[in-house]
Amino acid sequence: MSFASKLKTAGVRTLAPALFYGATGLIFLVFLPLANFPPHIGLTGLLSLVTAYGIIKKRFWAFWMVIALFAVSTTISLYTLYVIAFTNVIVGISMVVYAVLTWLVTLYIVLKRKPTET
């Protein structure tokens, strides 16, 4: 089955996590030059794009990438909230939204995962 036909047959529930990680990866990479190229932002953006690809293609490693990005995204967003302490309201609100969406998408992926046979 080709990539285009998988996208046509996939539902909204299937594509929502991939769209979230794809959009997050693109946003991080777009804002990378504006933030003076911090390596953690670039790496998180690339990992988000790879995770979106893995979710769409249903790779076995996509689940573990989601778990890794959960830890990284939570750390980045909560640390940013701690440092700025809501002195910049736009950044503060966006970090809260990013953290909540990350938690919700991770919960969805974990609950949707089928147990594997051992």
C-alpha atoms as a PDB file:
ATOM      1  CA  MET A   1       0.000   0.000   0.000  1.00  0.00           C
ATOM      2  CA  SER A   2       1.467   3.340  -1.010  1.00  0.00           C
ATOM      3  CA  PHE A   3       1.913   6.319   1.253  1.00  0.00           C
ATOM      4  CA  ALA A   4      -0.746   8.394  -0.545  1.00  0.00           C
ATOM      5  CA  SER A   5      -3.345   5.641  -0.307  1.00  0.00           C
ATOM      6  CA  LYS A   6      -2.635   5.238   3.428  1.00  0.00           C
ATOM      7  CA  LEU A   7      -3.316   8.942   3.910  1.00  0.00           C
ATOM      8  CA  LYS A   8      -6.591   8.692   1.983  1.00  0.00           C
ATOM      9  CA  THR A   9      -7.879   5.721   3.989  1.00  0.00           C
ATOM     10  CA  ALA A  10      -6.699   6.960   7.397  1.00  0.00           C
ATOM     11  CA  GLY A  11      -9.240   8.586   9.673  1.00  0.00           C
ATOM     12  CA  VAL A  12      -8.954  11.756  11.693  1.00  0.00           C
ATOM     13  CA  ARG A  13      -8.093   9.812  14.840  1.00  0.00           C
ATOM     14  CA  THR A  14      -5.212   8.131  13.080  1.00  0.00           C
ATOM     15  CA  LEU A  15      -3.834  11.310  11.562  1.00  0.00           C
ATOM     16  CA  ALA A  16      -4.282  13.633  14.567  1.00  0.00           C
ATOM     17  CA  PRO A  17      -1.147  12.471  16.461  1.00  0.00           C
ATOM     18  CA  ALA A  18       0.918  12.541  13.272  1.00  0.00           C
ATOM     19  CA  LEU A  19      -0.355  16.028  12.453  1.00  0.00           C
ATOM     20  CA  PHE A  20       0.442  17.194  15.974  1.00  0.00           C
ATOM     21  CA  TYR A  21       4.019  15.912  15.861  1.00  0.00           C
ATOM     22  CA  GLY A  22       4.516  17.112  12.282  1.00  0.00           C
ATOM     23  CA  ALA A  23       3.242  20.601  13.054  1.00  0.00           C
ATOM     24  CA  THR A  24       5.281  20.757  16.252  1.00  0.00           C
ATOM     25  CA  GLY A  25       8.420  19.699  14.400  1.00  0.00           C
ATOM     26  CA  LEU A  26       7.885  22.323  11.715  1.00  0.00           C
ATOM     27  CA  ILE A  27       7.184  25.057  14.277  1.00  0.00           C
ATOM     28  CA  PHE A  28      10.364  24.201  16.185  1.00  0.00           C
ATOM     29  CA  LEU A  29      12.449  24.220  13.026  1.00  0.00           C
ATOM     30  CA  VAL A  30      10.934  27.522  11.847  1.00  0.00           C
ATOM     31  CA  PHE A  31      11.642  29.185  15.195  1.00  0.00           C
ATOM     32  CA  LEU A  32      15.151  27.729  15.404  1.00  0.00           C
ATOM     33  CA  PRO A  33      16.897  30.733  13.769  1.00  0.00           C
ATOM     34  CA  LEU A  34      14.796  33.172  15.796  1.00  0.00           C
ATOM     35  CA  ALA A  35      16.015  31.577  19.033  1.00  0.00           C
ATOM     36  CA  ASN A  36      19.723  31.743  18.039  1.00  0.00           C
ATOM     37  CA  PHE A  37      19.940  28.031  17.120  1.00  0.00           C
ATOM     38  CA  PRO A  38      19.710  26.207  20.450  1.00  0.00           C
ATOM     39  CA  PRO A  39      20.461  22.541  19.722  1.00  0.00           C
ATOM     40  CA  HIS A  40      17.660  21.136  21.881  1.00  0.00           C
ATOM     41  CA  ILE A  41      15.013  22.964  19.856  1.00  0.00           C
ATOM     42  CA  GLY A  42      16.403  21.653  16.562  1.00  0.00           C
ATOM     43  CA  LEU A  43      16.734  18.109  17.881  1.00  0.00           C
ATOM     44  CA  THR A  44      13.212  18.140  19.291  1.00  0.00           C
ATOM     45  CA  GLY A  45      11.898  19.418  15.961  1.00  0.00           C
ATOM     46  CA  LEU A  46      13.661  16.678  14.017  1.00  0.00           C
ATOM     47  CA  LEU A  47      12.527  13.981  16.439  1.00  0.00           C
ATOM     48  CA  SER A  48       8.955  15.256  16.148  1.00  0.00           C
ATOM     49  CA  LEU A  49       9.065  14.989  12.361  1.00  0.00           C
ATOM     50  CA  VAL A  50      10.529  11.476  12.536  1.00  0.00           C
ATOM     51  CA  THR A  51       7.828  10.500  15.028  1.00  0.00           C
ATOM     52  CA  ALA A  52       5.102  11.831  12.731  1.00  0.00           C
ATOM     53  CA  TYR A  53       6.529   9.702   9.920  1.00  0.00           C
ATOM     54  CA  GLY A  54       6.664   6.645  12.177  1.00  0.00           C
ATOM     55  CA  ILE A  55       3.058   7.105  13.291  1.00  0.00           C
ATOM     56  CA  ILE A  56       1.803   7.432   9.724  1.00  0.00           C
ATOM     57  CA  LYS A  57       3.792   4.402   8.539  1.00  0.00           C
ATOM     58  CA  LYS A  58       2.897   2.465  11.731  1.00  0.00           C
ATOM     59  CA  ARG A  59       6.481   1.601  12.616  1.00  0.00           C
ATOM     60  CA  PHE A  60       7.165  -0.345  15.792  1.00  0.00           C
ATOM     61  CA  TRP A  61       9.601   2.302  17.054  1.00  0.00           C
ATOM     62  CA  ALA A  62       7.069   5.144  16.801  1.00  0.00           C
ATOM     63  CA  PHE A  63       5.633   4.289  20.218  1.00  0.00           C
ATOM     64  CA  TRP A  64       9.052   4.627  21.848  1.00  0.00           C
ATOM     65  CA  MET A  65       9.683   7.904  20.046  1.00  0.00           C
ATOM     66  CA  VAL A  66       6.386   9.210  21.444  1.00  0.00           C
ATOM     67  CA  ILE A  67       7.469   8.207  24.956  1.00  0.00           C
ATOM     68  CA  ALA A  68      10.865   9.883  24.496  1.00  0.00           C
ATOM     69  CA  LEU A  69       9.266  13.046  23.120  1.00  0.00           C
ATOM     70  CA  PHE A  70       6.835  13.051  26.050  1.00  0.00           C
ATOM     71  CA  ALA A  71       9.758  13.330  28.453  1.00  0.00           C
ATOM     72  CA  VAL A  72      11.612  15.896  26.352  1.00  0.00           C
ATOM     73  CA  SER A  73       8.559  18.039  25.628  1.00  0.00           C
ATOM     74  CA  THR A  74       7.424  18.037  29.236  1.00  0.00           C
ATOM     75  CA  THR A  75      10.882  19.041  30.390  1.00  0.00           C
ATOM     76  CA  ILE A  76      11.222  21.838  27.820  1.00  0.00           C
ATOM     77  CA  SER A  77       7.769  23.295  28.433  1.00  0.00           C
ATOM     78  CA  LEU A  78       7.868  23.151  32.230  1.00  0.00           C
ATOM     79  CA  TYR A  79      11.412  24.509  32.390  1.00  0.00           C
ATOM     80  CA  THR A  80      10.452  27.377  30.093  1.00  0.00           C
ATOM     81  CA  LEU A  81       7.437  28.124  32.284  1.00  0.00           C
ATOM     82  CA  TYR A  82       9.661  28.102  35.372  1.00  0.00           C
ATOM     83  CA  VAL A  83      12.268  30.413  33.833  1.00  0.00           C
ATOM     84  CA  ILE A  84       9.933  33.000  32.352  1.00  0.00           C
ATOM     85  CA  ALA A  85       7.405  32.737  35.235  1.00  0.00           C
ATOM     86  CA  PHE A  86       4.705  34.148  32.938  1.00  0.00           C
ATOM     87  CA  THR A  87       6.551  37.421  32.341  1.00  0.00           C
ATOM     88  CA  ASN A  88       5.932  36.762  28.648  1.00  0.00           C
ATOM     89  CA  VAL A  89       2.254  35.815  28.482  1.00  0.00           C
ATOM     90  CA  ILE A  90       2.300  34.542  24.890  1.00  0.00           C
ATOM     91  CA  VAL A  91       5.201  32.174  25.527  1.00  0.00           C
ATOM     92  CA  GLY A  92       3.679  31.065  28.822  1.00  0.00           C
ATOM     93  CA  ILE A  93       0.304  30.223  27.311  1.00  0.00           C
ATOM     94  CA  SER A  94       1.895  28.478  24.342  1.00  0.00           C
ATOM     95  CA  MET A  95       4.033  26.321  26.647  1.00  0.00           C
ATOM     96  CA  VAL A  96       0.985  25.333  28.696  1.00  0.00           C
ATOM     97  CA  VAL A  97      -0.920  24.425  25.522  1.00  0.00           C
ATOM     98  CA  TYR A  98       2.089  22.509  24.178  1.00  0.00           C
ATOM     99  CA  ALA A  99       2.479  20.541  27.418  1.00  0.00           C
ATOM    100  CA  VAL A 100      -1.223  19.676  27.635  1.00  0.00           C
ATOM    101  CA  LEU A 101      -1.421  18.625  23.982  1.00  0.00           C
ATOM    102  CA  THR A 102       1.713  16.516  24.381  1.00  0.00           C
ATOM    103  CA  TRP A 103       0.212  14.746  27.390  1.00  0.00           C
ATOM    104  CA  LEU A 104      -3.108  14.148  25.615  1.00  0.00           C
ATOM    105  CA  VAL A 105      -1.521  12.819  22.422  1.00  0.00           C
ATOM    106  CA  THR A 106       0.810  10.571  24.415  1.00  0.00           C
ATOM    107  CA  LEU A 107      -2.111   9.235  26.441  1.00  0.00           C
ATOM    108  CA  TYR A 108      -4.017   8.536  23.218  1.00  0.00           C
ATOM    109  CA  ILE A 109      -1.058   6.685  21.671  1.00  0.00           C
ATOM    110  CA  VAL A 110      -0.466   4.640  24.835  1.00  0.00           C
ATOM    111  CA  LEU A 111      -4.131   3.667  25.155  1.00  0.00           C
ATOM    112  CA  LYS A 112      -4.400   2.850  21.454  1.00  0.00           C
ATOM    113  CA  ARG A 113      -1.339   0.613  21.473  1.00  0.00           C
ATOM    114  CA  LYS A 114      -2.040  -3.067  21.058  1.00  0.00           C
ATOM    115  CA  PRO A 115      -0.181  -5.387  23.425  1.00  0.00           C
ATOM    116  CA  THR A 116       2.444  -7.455  21.665  1.00  0.00           C
ATOM    117  CA  GLU A 117       2.937 -11.151  22.148  1.00  0.00           C
ATOM    118  CA  THR A 118       6.027 -12.248  24.029  1.00  0.00           C
END
